[in-house]
């Protein structure tokens, strides 16, 4: 069985929130909760799936893809290697943010795999 990376979903949500431009009050309204609960979410290592899906919508970010990537889960539809021909000058701000988050997730995945390999 493959080793899974420990994920702290609250930290992932906080990182995306920090880049979103939303205030805590705005995010709280979007997910139908109190402001104080938003801060609690940022501290939690796990989360209810329904709440995570509301956060995905509110922050316009698919945390499920991040979790899949960090755990090295492969989809049959996802090739083992991809070639990306990308002109960064043509990206919108949101697209550039998504690329940066994707690259950061890849970096984290690589570091996690190295840590696991070094501990064996």
PDB file of N, CA and C in Angstrom:
ATOM      1  N   UNK A   1       0.847  -1.194   0.000  1.00  0.00           N
ATOM      2  CA  UNK A   1       0.000   0.000   0.000  1.00  0.00           C
ATOM      3  C   UNK A   1       0.883   1.246   0.000  1.00  0.00           C
ATOM      4  N   UNK A   2       0.497   2.241  -0.789  1.00  0.00           N
ATOM      5  CA  UNK A   2       1.295   3.465  -0.903  1.00  0.00           C
ATOM      6  C   UNK A   2       1.200   4.287   0.375  1.00  0.00           C
ATOM      7  N   UNK A   3       2.300   4.929   0.719  1.00  0.00           N
ATOM      8  CA  UNK A   3       2.319   5.822   1.869  1.00  0.00           C
ATOM      9  C   UNK A   3       1.642   7.128   1.491  1.00  0.00           C
ATOM     10  N   UNK A   4       0.759   7.598   2.352  1.00  0.00           N
ATOM     11  CA  UNK A   4       0.058   8.840   2.076  1.00  0.00           C
ATOM     12  C   UNK A   4       0.705   9.984   2.835  1.00  0.00           C
ATOM     13  N   UNK A   5       0.700  11.143   2.211  1.00  0.00           N
ATOM     14  CA  UNK A   5       1.239  12.350   2.814  1.00  0.00           C
ATOM     15  C   UNK A   5       0.255  12.859   3.860  1.00  0.00           C
ATOM     16  N   UNK A   6       0.774  13.270   5.025  1.00  0.00           N
ATOM     17  CA  UNK A   6      -0.100  13.883   6.029  1.00  0.00           C
ATOM     18  C   UNK A   6      -0.526  15.249   5.506  1.00  0.00           C
ATOM     19  N   UNK A   7      -1.814  15.478   5.539  1.00  0.00           N
ATOM     20  CA  UNK A   7      -2.369  16.725   5.023  1.00  0.00           C
ATOM     21  C   UNK A   7      -3.042  17.470   6.157  1.00  0.00           C
ATOM     22  N   UNK A   8      -2.742  18.742   6.284  1.00  0.00           N
ATOM     23  CA  UNK A   8      -3.437  19.617   7.241  1.00  0.00           C
ATOM     24  C   UNK A   8      -4.329  20.512   6.393  1.00  0.00           C
ATOM     25  N   UNK A   9      -5.581  20.109   6.261  1.00  0.00           N
ATOM     26  CA  UNK A   9      -6.490  20.807   5.356  1.00  0.00           C
ATOM     27  C   UNK A   9      -6.701  22.262   5.757  1.00  0.00           C
ATOM     28  N   UNK A  10      -6.679  22.546   7.052  1.00  0.00           N
ATOM     29  CA  UNK A  10      -6.858  23.925   7.503  1.00  0.00           C
ATOM     30  C   UNK A  10      -5.773  24.842   6.966  1.00  0.00           C
ATOM     31  N   UNK A  11      -4.531  24.359   6.973  1.00  0.00           N
ATOM     32  CA  UNK A  11      -3.419  25.155   6.444  1.00  0.00           C
ATOM     33  C   UNK A  11      -3.564  25.353   4.940  1.00  0.00           C
ATOM     34  N   UNK A  12      -4.033  24.319   4.243  1.00  0.00           N
ATOM     35  CA  UNK A  12      -4.250  24.440   2.799  1.00  0.00           C
ATOM     36  C   UNK A  12      -5.323  25.496   2.517  1.00  0.00           C
ATOM     37  N   UNK A  13      -6.401  25.441   3.286  1.00  0.00           N
ATOM     38  CA  UNK A  13      -7.500  26.393   3.101  1.00  0.00           C
ATOM     39  C   UNK A  13      -7.017  27.808   3.402  1.00  0.00           C
ATOM     40  N   UNK A  14      -6.253  27.963   4.464  1.00  0.00           N
ATOM     41  CA  UNK A  14      -5.725  29.288   4.843  1.00  0.00           C
ATOM     42  C   UNK A  14      -4.845  29.859   3.737  1.00  0.00           C
ATOM     43  N   UNK A  15      -3.989  29.024   3.147  1.00  0.00           N
ATOM     44  CA  UNK A  15      -3.101  29.498   2.078  1.00  0.00           C
ATOM     45  C   UNK A  15      -3.896  30.001   0.880  1.00  0.00           C
ATOM     46  N   UNK A  16      -4.931  29.268   0.494  1.00  0.00           N
ATOM     47  CA  UNK A  16      -5.768  29.697  -0.633  1.00  0.00           C
ATOM     48  C   UNK A  16      -6.565  30.941  -0.243  1.00  0.00           C
ATOM     49  N   UNK A  17      -7.089  30.959   0.976  1.00  0.00           N
ATOM     50  CA  UNK A  17      -7.832  32.130   1.460  1.00  0.00           C
ATOM     51  C   UNK A  17      -6.962  33.383   1.413  1.00  0.00           C
ATOM     52  N   UNK A  18      -5.703  33.271   1.872  1.00  0.00           N
ATOM     53  CA  UNK A  18      -4.809  34.429   1.906  1.00  0.00           C
ATOM     54  C   UNK A  18      -4.617  35.039   0.516  1.00  0.00           C
ATOM     55  N   UNK A  19      -4.707  34.225  -0.504  1.00  0.00           N
ATOM     56  CA  UNK A  19      -4.535  34.703  -1.879  1.00  0.00           C
ATOM     57  C   UNK A  19      -5.856  35.137  -2.516  1.00  0.00           C
ATOM     58  N   UNK A  20      -6.968  34.874  -1.848  1.00  0.00           N
ATOM     59  CA  UNK A  20      -8.282  35.081  -2.463  1.00  0.00           C
ATOM     60  C   UNK A  20      -8.741  36.536  -2.519  1.00  0.00           C
ATOM     61  N   UNK A  21      -8.254  37.350  -1.596  1.00  0.00           N
ATOM     62  CA  UNK A  21      -8.730  38.728  -1.528  1.00  0.00           C
ATOM     63  C   UNK A  21     -10.021  38.885  -0.734  1.00  0.00           C
ATOM     64  N   UNK A  22     -10.569  37.785  -0.237  1.00  0.00           N
ATOM     65  CA  UNK A  22     -11.772  37.853   0.584  1.00  0.00           C
ATOM     66  C   UNK A  22     -11.409  38.210   2.021  1.00  0.00           C
ATOM     67  N   UNK A  23     -12.346  38.800   2.720  1.00  0.00           N
ATOM     68  CA  UNK A  23     -12.169  39.005   4.152  1.00  0.00           C
ATOM     69  C   UNK A  23     -12.718  37.766   4.868  1.00  0.00           C
ATOM     70  N   UNK A  24     -12.365  37.610   6.129  1.00  0.00           N
ATOM     71  CA  UNK A  24     -12.884  36.492   6.919  1.00  0.00           C
ATOM     72  C   UNK A  24     -14.406  36.574   6.988  1.00  0.00           C
ATOM     73  N   UNK A  25     -14.931  37.778   7.139  1.00  0.00           N
ATOM     74  CA  UNK A  25     -16.385  37.961   7.208  1.00  0.00           C
ATOM     75  C   UNK A  25     -17.057  37.525   5.901  1.00  0.00           C
ATOM     76  N   UNK A  26     -16.451  37.876   4.768  1.00  0.00           N
ATOM     77  CA  UNK A  26     -17.018  37.476   3.478  1.00  0.00           C
ATOM     78  C   UNK A  26     -17.001  35.960   3.316  1.00  0.00           C
ATOM     79  N   UNK A  27     -15.884  35.337   3.677  1.00  0.00           N
ATOM     80  CA  UNK A  27     -15.802  33.878   3.576  1.00  0.00           C
ATOM     81  C   UNK A  27     -16.829  33.226   4.502  1.00  0.00           C
ATOM     82  N   UNK A  28     -16.967  33.752   5.700  1.00  0.00           N
ATOM     83  CA  UNK A  28     -17.941  33.209   6.645  1.00  0.00           C
ATOM     84  C   UNK A  28     -19.353  33.259   6.062  1.00  0.00           C
ATOM     85  N   UNK A  29     -19.699  34.380   5.439  1.00  0.00           N
ATOM     86  CA  UNK A  29     -21.027  34.497   4.812  1.00  0.00           C
ATOM     87  C   UNK A  29     -21.189  33.470   3.690  1.00  0.00           C
ATOM     88  N   UNK A  30     -20.139  33.277   2.900  1.00  0.00           N
ATOM     89  CA  UNK A  30     -20.212  32.341   1.774  1.00  0.00           C
ATOM     90  C   UNK A  30     -20.448  30.899   2.223  1.00  0.00           C
ATOM     91  N   UNK A  31     -19.929  30.548   3.383  1.00  0.00           N
ATOM     92  CA  UNK A  31     -20.065  29.160   3.852  1.00  0.00           C
ATOM     93  C   UNK A  31     -21.058  29.036   5.001  1.00  0.00           C
ATOM     94  N   UNK A  32     -21.842  30.090   5.219  1.00  0.00           N
ATOM     95  CA  UNK A  32     -22.912  30.072   6.219  1.00  0.00           C
ATOM     96  C   UNK A  32     -22.420  29.706   7.619  1.00  0.00           C
ATOM     97  N   UNK A  33     -21.406  30.427   8.077  1.00  0.00           N
ATOM     98  CA  UNK A  33     -20.885  30.196   9.417  1.00  0.00           C
ATOM     99  C   UNK A  33     -20.469  31.514  10.047  1.00  0.00           C
ATOM    100  N   UNK A  34     -20.093  31.472  11.287  1.00  0.00           N
ATOM    101  CA  UNK A  34     -19.623  32.668  11.994  1.00  0.00           C
ATOM    102  C   UNK A  34     -18.152  32.915  11.678  1.00  0.00           C
ATOM    103  N   UNK A  35     -17.733  34.171  11.781  1.00  0.00           N
ATOM    104  CA  UNK A  35     -16.327  34.528  11.549  1.00  0.00           C
ATOM    105  C   UNK A  35     -15.399  33.691  12.419  1.00  0.00           C
ATOM    106  N   UNK A  36     -15.761  33.496  13.670  1.00  0.00           N
ATOM    107  CA  UNK A  36     -14.903  32.737  14.586  1.00  0.00           C
ATOM    108  C   UNK A  36     -14.698  31.296  14.101  1.00  0.00           C
ATOM    109  N   UNK A  37     -15.701  30.739  13.426  1.00  0.00           N
ATOM    110  CA  UNK A  37     -15.563  29.380  12.901  1.00  0.00           C
ATOM    111  C   UNK A  37     -14.567  29.310  11.742  1.00  0.00           C
ATOM    112  N   UNK A  38     -14.442  30.382  10.988  1.00  0.00           N
ATOM    113  CA  UNK A  38     -13.465  30.407   9.894  1.00  0.00           C
ATOM    114  C   UNK A  38     -12.058  30.258  10.462  1.00  0.00           C
ATOM    115  N   UNK A  39     -11.763  30.986  11.524  1.00  0.00           N
ATOM    116  CA  UNK A  39     -10.442  30.858  12.157  1.00  0.00           C
ATOM    117  C   UNK A  39     -10.226  29.440  12.684  1.00  0.00           C
ATOM    118  N   UNK A  40     -11.289  28.826  13.194  1.00  0.00           N
ATOM    119  CA  UNK A  40     -11.223  27.449  13.690  1.00  0.00           C
ATOM    120  C   UNK A  40     -10.915  26.493  12.537  1.00  0.00           C
ATOM    121  N   UNK A  41     -11.522  26.730  11.378  1.00  0.00           N
ATOM    122  CA  UNK A  41     -11.271  25.886  10.194  1.00  0.00           C
ATOM    123  C   UNK A  41      -9.795  25.921   9.821  1.00  0.00           C
ATOM    124  N   UNK A  42      -9.179  27.105   9.872  1.00  0.00           N
ATOM    125  CA  UNK A  42      -7.770  27.245   9.514  1.00  0.00           C
ATOM    126  C   UNK A  42      -6.864  26.412  10.425  1.00  0.00           C
ATOM    127  N   UNK A  43      -7.312  26.135  11.638  1.00  0.00           N
ATOM    128  CA  UNK A  43      -6.506  25.395  12.605  1.00  0.00           C
ATOM    129  C   UNK A  43      -6.745  23.887  12.556  1.00  0.00           C
ATOM    130  N   UNK A  44      -7.788  23.460  11.893  1.00  0.00           N
ATOM    131  CA  UNK A  44      -8.177  22.047  11.913  1.00  0.00           C
ATOM    132  C   UNK A  44      -7.401  21.205  10.905  1.00  0.00           C
ATOM    133  N   UNK A  45      -6.932  20.019  11.309  1.00  0.00           N
ATOM    134  CA  UNK A  45      -6.234  19.131  10.379  1.00  0.00           C
ATOM    135  C   UNK A  45      -7.197  18.332   9.500  1.00  0.00           C
ATOM    136  N   UNK A  46      -8.486  18.333   9.842  1.00  0.00           N
ATOM    137  CA  UNK A  46      -9.477  17.619   9.042  1.00  0.00           C
ATOM    138  C   UNK A  46     -10.742  18.468   8.958  1.00  0.00           C
ATOM    139  N   UNK A  47     -11.646  18.057   8.054  1.00  0.00           N
ATOM    140  CA  UNK A  47     -12.843  18.862   7.834  1.00  0.00           C
ATOM    141  C   UNK A  47     -13.959  17.990   7.304  1.00  0.00           C
ATOM    142  N   UNK A  48     -15.176  18.388   7.587  1.00  0.00           N
ATOM    143  CA  UNK A  48     -16.368  17.737   7.053  1.00  0.00           C
ATOM    144  C   UNK A  48     -16.422  17.963   5.542  1.00  0.00           C
ATOM    145  N   UNK A  49     -16.772  16.933   4.790  1.00  0.00           N
ATOM    146  CA  UNK A  49     -16.776  17.022   3.325  1.00  0.00           C
ATOM    147  C   UNK A  49     -17.741  18.092   2.809  1.00  0.00           C
ATOM    148  N   UNK A  50     -18.904  18.207   3.413  1.00  0.00           N
ATOM    149  CA  UNK A  50     -19.863  19.220   2.968  1.00  0.00           C
ATOM    150  C   UNK A  50     -19.280  20.635   3.132  1.00  0.00           C
ATOM    151  N   UNK A  51     -18.608  20.855   4.253  1.00  0.00           N
ATOM    152  CA  UNK A  51     -18.002  22.162   4.485  1.00  0.00           C
ATOM    153  C   UNK A  51     -16.844  22.397   3.511  1.00  0.00           C
ATOM    154  N   UNK A  52     -16.077  21.351   3.227  1.00  0.00           N
ATOM    155  CA  UNK A  52     -14.979  21.485   2.271  1.00  0.00           C
ATOM    156  C   UNK A  52     -15.513  21.855   0.888  1.00  0.00           C
ATOM    157  N   UNK A  53     -16.599  21.246   0.487  1.00  0.00           N
ATOM    158  CA  UNK A  53     -17.176  21.564  -0.819  1.00  0.00           C
ATOM    159  C   UNK A  53     -17.676  23.005  -0.872  1.00  0.00           C
ATOM    160  N   UNK A  54     -18.235  23.496   0.230  1.00  0.00           N
ATOM    161  CA  UNK A  54     -18.655  24.904   0.285  1.00  0.00           C
ATOM    162  C   UNK A  54     -17.439  25.822   0.175  1.00  0.00           C
ATOM    163  N   UNK A  55     -16.332  25.436   0.818  1.00  0.00           N
ATOM    164  CA  UNK A  55     -15.102  26.232   0.736  1.00  0.00           C
ATOM    165  C   UNK A  55     -14.528  26.206  -0.677  1.00  0.00           C
ATOM    166  N   UNK A  56     -14.610  25.055  -1.331  1.00  0.00           N
ATOM    167  CA  UNK A  56     -14.148  24.970  -2.727  1.00  0.00           C
ATOM    168  C   UNK A  56     -14.890  25.988  -3.585  1.00  0.00           C
ATOM    169  N   UNK A  57     -16.190  26.053  -3.398  1.00  0.00           N
ATOM    170  CA  UNK A  57     -17.012  26.986  -4.178  1.00  0.00           C
ATOM    171  C   UNK A  57     -16.707  28.429  -3.795  1.00  0.00           C
ATOM    172  N   UNK A  58     -16.639  28.709  -2.500  1.00  0.00           N
ATOM    173  CA  UNK A  58     -16.422  30.081  -2.031  1.00  0.00           C
ATOM    174  C   UNK A  58     -15.071  30.623  -2.461  1.00  0.00           C
ATOM    175  N   UNK A  59     -14.050  29.770  -2.433  1.00  0.00           N
ATOM    176  CA  UNK A  59     -12.689  30.201  -2.761  1.00  0.00           C
ATOM    177  C   UNK A  59     -12.317  29.904  -4.216  1.00  0.00           C
ATOM    178  N   UNK A  60     -13.263  29.309  -4.949  1.00  0.00           N
ATOM    179  CA  UNK A  60     -13.019  28.960  -6.353  1.00  0.00           C
ATOM    180  C   UNK A  60     -11.729  28.142  -6.491  1.00  0.00           C
ATOM    181  N   UNK A  61     -11.637  27.105  -5.650  1.00  0.00           N
ATOM    182  CA  UNK A  61     -10.432  26.276  -5.621  1.00  0.00           C
ATOM    183  C   UNK A  61     -10.834  24.840  -5.305  1.00  0.00           C
ATOM    184  N   UNK A  62     -10.274  23.878  -6.029  1.00  0.00           N
ATOM    185  CA  UNK A  62     -10.607  22.479  -5.807  1.00  0.00           C
ATOM    186  C   UNK A  62      -9.583  21.829  -4.874  1.00  0.00           C
ATOM    187  N   UNK A  63      -9.903  21.807  -3.586  1.00  0.00           N
ATOM    188  CA  UNK A  63      -9.009  21.200  -2.600  1.00  0.00           C
ATOM    189  C   UNK A  63      -8.910  19.689  -2.786  1.00  0.00           C
ATOM    190  N   UNK A  64      -9.934  19.094  -3.371  1.00  0.00           N
ATOM    191  CA  UNK A  64      -9.897  17.655  -3.598  1.00  0.00           C
ATOM    192  C   UNK A  64      -8.786  17.288  -4.581  1.00  0.00           C
ATOM    193  N   UNK A  65      -8.579  18.110  -5.590  1.00  0.00           N
ATOM    194  CA  UNK A  65      -7.468  17.887  -6.521  1.00  0.00           C
ATOM    195  C   UNK A  65      -6.133  18.002  -5.792  1.00  0.00           C
ATOM    196  N   UNK A  66      -6.022  18.980  -4.896  1.00  0.00           N
ATOM    197  CA  UNK A  66      -4.790  19.159  -4.128  1.00  0.00           C
ATOM    198  C   UNK A  66      -4.497  17.927  -3.282  1.00  0.00           C
ATOM    199  N   UNK A  67      -5.525  17.412  -2.626  1.00  0.00           N
ATOM    200  CA  UNK A  67      -5.357  16.234  -1.777  1.00  0.00           C
ATOM    201  C   UNK A  67      -4.943  15.039  -2.614  1.00  0.00           C
ATOM    202  N   UNK A  68      -5.579  14.878  -3.756  1.00  0.00           N
ATOM    203  CA  UNK A  68      -5.238  13.782  -4.661  1.00  0.00           C
ATOM    204  C   UNK A  68      -3.787  13.895  -5.115  1.00  0.00           C
ATOM    205  N   UNK A  69      -3.367  15.077  -5.474  1.00  0.00           N
ATOM    206  CA  UNK A  69      -1.999  15.307  -5.925  1.00  0.00           C
ATOM    207  C   UNK A  69      -0.993  15.030  -4.807  1.00  0.00           C
ATOM    208  N   UNK A  70      -1.271  15.531  -3.620  1.00  0.00           N
ATOM    209  CA  UNK A  70      -0.341  15.356  -2.506  1.00  0.00           C
ATOM    210  C   UNK A  70      -0.220  13.902  -2.065  1.00  0.00           C
ATOM    211  N   UNK A  71      -1.259  13.127  -2.271  1.00  0.00           N
ATOM    212  CA  UNK A  71      -1.222  11.720  -1.892  1.00  0.00           C
ATOM    213  C   UNK A  71      -0.743  10.830  -3.027  1.00  0.00           C
ATOM    214  N   UNK A  72      -0.369  11.438  -4.137  1.00  0.00           N
ATOM    215  CA  UNK A  72       0.161  10.657  -5.247  1.00  0.00           C
ATOM    216  C   UNK A  72      -0.859   9.753  -5.894  1.00  0.00           C
ATOM    217  N   UNK A  73      -2.133  10.073  -5.710  1.00  0.00           N
ATOM    218  CA  UNK A  73      -3.180   9.272  -6.333  1.00  0.00           C
ATOM    219  C   UNK A  73      -3.209   9.579  -7.814  1.00  0.00           C
ATOM    220  N   UNK A  74      -3.310   8.551  -8.605  1.00  0.00           N
ATOM    221  CA  UNK A  74      -3.334   8.721 -10.049  1.00  0.00           C
ATOM    222  C   UNK A  74      -4.720   8.390 -10.583  1.00  0.00           C
ATOM    223  N   UNK A  75      -5.152   9.169 -11.500  1.00  0.00           N
ATOM    224  CA  UNK A  75      -6.397   8.892 -12.205  1.00  0.00           C
ATOM    225  C   UNK A  75      -6.055   8.203 -13.514  1.00  0.00           C
ATOM    226  N   UNK A  76      -6.907   7.289 -13.954  1.00  0.00           N
ATOM    227  CA  UNK A  76      -6.676   6.623 -15.232  1.00  0.00           C
ATOM    228  C   UNK A  76      -6.671   7.630 -16.372  1.00  0.00           C
ATOM    229  N   UNK A  77      -7.337   8.756 -16.155  1.00  0.00           N
ATOM    230  CA  UNK A  77      -7.408   9.778 -17.193  1.00  0.00           C
ATOM    231  C   UNK A  77      -6.191  10.692 -17.189  1.00  0.00           C
ATOM    232  N   UNK A  78      -5.373  10.591 -16.152  1.00  0.00           N
ATOM    233  CA  UNK A  78      -4.221  11.471 -16.008  1.00  0.00           C
ATOM    234  C   UNK A  78      -2.961  10.754 -16.482  1.00  0.00           C
ATOM    235  N   UNK A  79      -2.286  11.266 -17.493  1.00  0.00           N
ATOM    236  CA  UNK A  79      -1.060  10.614 -17.960  1.00  0.00           C
ATOM    237  C   UNK A  79       0.047  10.710 -16.922  1.00  0.00           C
ATOM    238  N   UNK A  80       1.022   9.790 -17.002  1.00  0.00           N
ATOM    239  CA  UNK A  80       2.148   9.816 -16.073  1.00  0.00           C
ATOM    240  C   UNK A  80       3.027  11.033 -16.314  1.00  0.00           C
ATOM    241  N   UNK A  81       3.142  11.434 -17.539  1.00  0.00           N
ATOM    242  CA  UNK A  81       3.942  12.612 -17.870  1.00  0.00           C
ATOM    243  C   UNK A  81       3.105  13.540 -18.730  1.00  0.00           C
ATOM    244  N   UNK A  82       3.304  14.820 -18.519  1.00  0.00           N
ATOM    245  CA  UNK A  82       2.626  15.796 -19.361  1.00  0.00           C
ATOM    246  C   UNK A  82       3.644  16.821 -19.823  1.00  0.00           C
ATOM    247  N   UNK A  83       3.390  17.352 -20.974  1.00  0.00           N
ATOM    248  CA  UNK A  83       4.229  18.423 -21.498  1.00  0.00           C
ATOM    249  C   UNK A  83       3.374  19.681 -21.534  1.00  0.00           C
ATOM    250  N   UNK A  84       3.878  20.725 -20.944  1.00  0.00           N
ATOM    251  CA  UNK A  84       3.136  21.988 -20.912  1.00  0.00           C
ATOM    252  C   UNK A  84       3.945  23.040 -21.647  1.00  0.00           C
ATOM    253  N   UNK A  85       3.354  23.581 -22.695  1.00  0.00           N
ATOM    254  CA  UNK A  85       3.952  24.692 -23.415  1.00  0.00           C
ATOM    255  C   UNK A  85       3.167  25.927 -23.002  1.00  0.00           C
ATOM    256  N   UNK A  86       3.729  26.681 -22.078  1.00  0.00           N
ATOM    257  CA  UNK A  86       2.984  27.750 -21.439  1.00  0.00           C
ATOM    258  C   UNK A  86       3.733  29.072 -21.560  1.00  0.00           C
ATOM    259  N   UNK A  87       3.045  30.058 -22.078  1.00  0.00           N
ATOM    260  CA  UNK A  87       3.596  31.394 -22.137  1.00  0.00           C
ATOM    261  C   UNK A  87       3.010  32.171 -20.963  1.00  0.00           C
ATOM    262  N   UNK A  88       3.827  32.390 -19.942  1.00  0.00           N
ATOM    263  CA  UNK A  88       3.337  33.026 -18.722  1.00  0.00           C
ATOM    264  C   UNK A  88       2.815  34.434 -18.958  1.00  0.00           C
ATOM    265  N   UNK A  89       3.274  35.090 -19.998  1.00  0.00           N
ATOM    266  CA  UNK A  89       2.808  36.446 -20.290  1.00  0.00           C
ATOM    267  C   UNK A  89       1.347  36.483 -20.732  1.00  0.00           C
ATOM    268  N   UNK A  90       0.830  35.335 -21.202  1.00  0.00           N
ATOM    269  CA  UNK A  90      -0.541  35.277 -21.681  1.00  0.00           C
ATOM    270  C   UNK A  90      -1.550  34.925 -20.593  1.00  0.00           C
ATOM    271  N   UNK A  91      -1.090  34.659 -19.380  1.00  0.00           N
ATOM    272  CA  UNK A  91      -1.981  34.232 -18.308  1.00  0.00           C
ATOM    273  C   UNK A  91      -2.670  35.413 -17.633  1.00  0.00           C
ATOM    274  N   UNK A  92      -3.908  35.169 -17.232  1.00  0.00           N
ATOM    275  CA  UNK A  92      -4.591  36.142 -16.388  1.00  0.00           C
ATOM    276  C   UNK A  92      -4.012  36.009 -14.979  1.00  0.00           C
ATOM    277  N   UNK A  93      -4.328  36.935 -14.120  1.00  0.00           N
ATOM    278  CA  UNK A  93      -3.854  36.877 -12.732  1.00  0.00           C
ATOM    279  C   UNK A  93      -4.329  35.592 -12.060  1.00  0.00           C
ATOM    280  N   UNK A  94      -5.584  35.227 -12.271  1.00  0.00           N
ATOM    281  CA  UNK A  94      -6.132  34.004 -11.651  1.00  0.00           C
ATOM    282  C   UNK A  94      -5.431  32.759 -12.202  1.00  0.00           C
ATOM    283  N   UNK A  95      -5.194  32.727 -13.502  1.00  0.00           N
ATOM    284  CA  UNK A  95      -4.500  31.576 -14.085  1.00  0.00           C
ATOM    285  C   UNK A  95      -3.071  31.476 -13.548  1.00  0.00           C
ATOM    286  N   UNK A  96      -2.404  32.600 -13.407  1.00  0.00           N
ATOM    287  CA  UNK A  96      -1.049  32.605 -12.850  1.00  0.00           C
ATOM    288  C   UNK A  96      -1.058  32.114 -11.411  1.00  0.00           C
ATOM    289  N   UNK A  97      -2.074  32.513 -10.650  1.00  0.00           N
ATOM    290  CA  UNK A  97      -2.206  32.052  -9.264  1.00  0.00           C
ATOM    291  C   UNK A  97      -2.394  30.542  -9.223  1.00  0.00           C
ATOM    292  N   UNK A  98      -3.225  30.014 -10.123  1.00  0.00           N
ATOM    293  CA  UNK A  98      -3.466  28.572 -10.178  1.00  0.00           C
ATOM    294  C   UNK A  98      -2.188  27.817 -10.542  1.00  0.00           C
ATOM    295  N   UNK A  99      -1.422  28.340 -11.473  1.00  0.00           N
ATOM    296  CA  UNK A  99      -0.149  27.714 -11.843  1.00  0.00           C
ATOM    297  C   UNK A  99       0.801  27.720 -10.648  1.00  0.00           C
ATOM    298  N   UNK A 100       0.873  28.840  -9.946  1.00  0.00           N
ATOM    299  CA  UNK A 100       1.753  28.943  -8.780  1.00  0.00           C
ATOM    300  C   UNK A 100       1.342  27.946  -7.700  1.00  0.00           C
ATOM    301  N   UNK A 101       0.045  27.811  -7.446  1.00  0.00           N
ATOM    302  CA  UNK A 101      -0.433  26.851  -6.450  1.00  0.00           C
ATOM    303  C   UNK A 101      -0.126  25.420  -6.874  1.00  0.00           C
ATOM    304  N   UNK A 102      -0.302  25.144  -8.144  1.00  0.00           N
ATOM    305  CA  UNK A 102      -0.002  23.810  -8.660  1.00  0.00           C
ATOM    306  C   UNK A 102       1.482  23.486  -8.491  1.00  0.00           C
ATOM    307  N   UNK A 103       2.339  24.435  -8.844  1.00  0.00           N
ATOM    308  CA  UNK A 103       3.778  24.210  -8.709  1.00  0.00           C
ATOM    309  C   UNK A 103       4.190  24.059  -7.250  1.00  0.00           C
ATOM    310  N   UNK A 104       3.557  24.811  -6.368  1.00  0.00           N
ATOM    311  CA  UNK A 104       3.835  24.688  -4.932  1.00  0.00           C
ATOM    312  C   UNK A 104       3.409  23.315  -4.422  1.00  0.00           C
ATOM    313  N   UNK A 105       2.273  22.819  -4.913  1.00  0.00           N
ATOM    314  CA  UNK A 105       1.813  21.482  -4.519  1.00  0.00           C
ATOM    315  C   UNK A 105       2.775  20.409  -5.018  1.00  0.00           C
ATOM    316  N   UNK A 106       3.273  20.575  -6.239  1.00  0.00           N
ATOM    317  CA  UNK A 106       4.265  19.628  -6.764  1.00  0.00           C
ATOM    318  C   UNK A 106       5.531  19.638  -5.919  1.00  0.00           C
ATOM    319  N   UNK A 107       5.954  20.826  -5.536  1.00  0.00           N
ATOM    320  CA  UNK A 107       7.143  20.976  -4.699  1.00  0.00           C
ATOM    321  C   UNK A 107       6.934  20.286  -3.350  1.00  0.00           C
ATOM    322  N   UNK A 108       5.761  20.473  -2.764  1.00  0.00           N
ATOM    323  CA  UNK A 108       5.440  19.841  -1.482  1.00  0.00           C
ATOM    324  C   UNK A 108       5.391  18.327  -1.618  1.00  0.00           C
ATOM    325  N   UNK A 109       4.814  17.858  -2.717  1.00  0.00           N
ATOM    326  CA  UNK A 109       4.739  16.409  -2.955  1.00  0.00           C
ATOM    327  C   UNK A 109       6.138  15.816  -3.073  1.00  0.00           C
ATOM    328  N   UNK A 110       7.001  16.490  -3.809  1.00  0.00           N
ATOM    329  CA  UNK A 110       8.369  16.007  -3.988  1.00  0.00           C
ATOM    330  C   UNK A 110       9.093  15.968  -2.654  1.00  0.00           C
ATOM    331  N   UNK A 111       8.942  17.022  -1.848  1.00  0.00           N
ATOM    332  CA  UNK A 111       9.590  17.069  -0.538  1.00  0.00           C
ATOM    333  C   UNK A 111       9.067  15.968   0.371  1.00  0.00           C
ATOM    334  N   UNK A 112       7.763  15.725   0.321  1.00  0.00           N
ATOM    335  CA  UNK A 112       7.164  14.683   1.155  1.00  0.00           C
ATOM    336  C   UNK A 112       7.683  13.299   0.750  1.00  0.00           C
ATOM    337  N   UNK A 113       7.795  13.068  -0.551  1.00  0.00           N
ATOM    338  CA  UNK A 113       8.316  11.774  -1.023  1.00  0.00           C
ATOM    339  C   UNK A 113       9.762  11.591  -0.612  1.00  0.00           C
ATOM    340  N   UNK A 114      10.547  12.667  -0.674  1.00  0.00           N
ATOM    341  CA  UNK A 114      11.960  12.572  -0.255  1.00  0.00           C
ATOM    342  C   UNK A 114      12.050  12.267   1.228  1.00  0.00           C
ATOM    343  N   UNK A 115      11.184  12.882   2.024  1.00  0.00           N
ATOM    344  CA  UNK A 115      11.176  12.626   3.466  1.00  0.00           C
ATOM    345  C   UNK A 115      10.841  11.168   3.751  1.00  0.00           C
ATOM    346  N   UNK A 116       9.836  10.642   3.046  1.00  0.00           N
ATOM    347  CA  UNK A 116       9.437   9.243   3.234  1.00  0.00           C
ATOM    348  C   UNK A 116      10.571   8.319   2.805  1.00  0.00           C
ATOM    349  N   UNK A 117      11.183   8.617   1.667  1.00  0.00           N
ATOM    350  CA  UNK A 117      12.280   7.777   1.174  1.00  0.00           C
ATOM    351  C   UNK A 117      13.480   7.819   2.115  1.00  0.00           C
ATOM    352  N   UNK A 118      13.764   8.972   2.698  1.00  0.00           N
ATOM    353  CA  UNK A 118      14.905   9.096   3.617  1.00  0.00           C
ATOM    354  C   UNK A 118      14.658   8.388   4.933  1.00  0.00           C
ATOM    355  N   UNK A 119      13.402   8.244   5.313  1.00  0.00           N
ATOM    356  CA  UNK A 119      13.088   7.613   6.597  1.00  0.00           C
ATOM    357  C   UNK A 119      13.041   6.087   6.477  1.00  0.00           C
ATOM    358  N   UNK A 120      13.026   5.567   5.257  1.00  0.00           N
ATOM    359  CA  UNK A 120      12.976   4.094   5.063  1.00  0.00           C
ATOM    360  C   UNK A 120      14.270   3.427   5.368  1.00  0.00           C
TER     361      UNK A 120
END
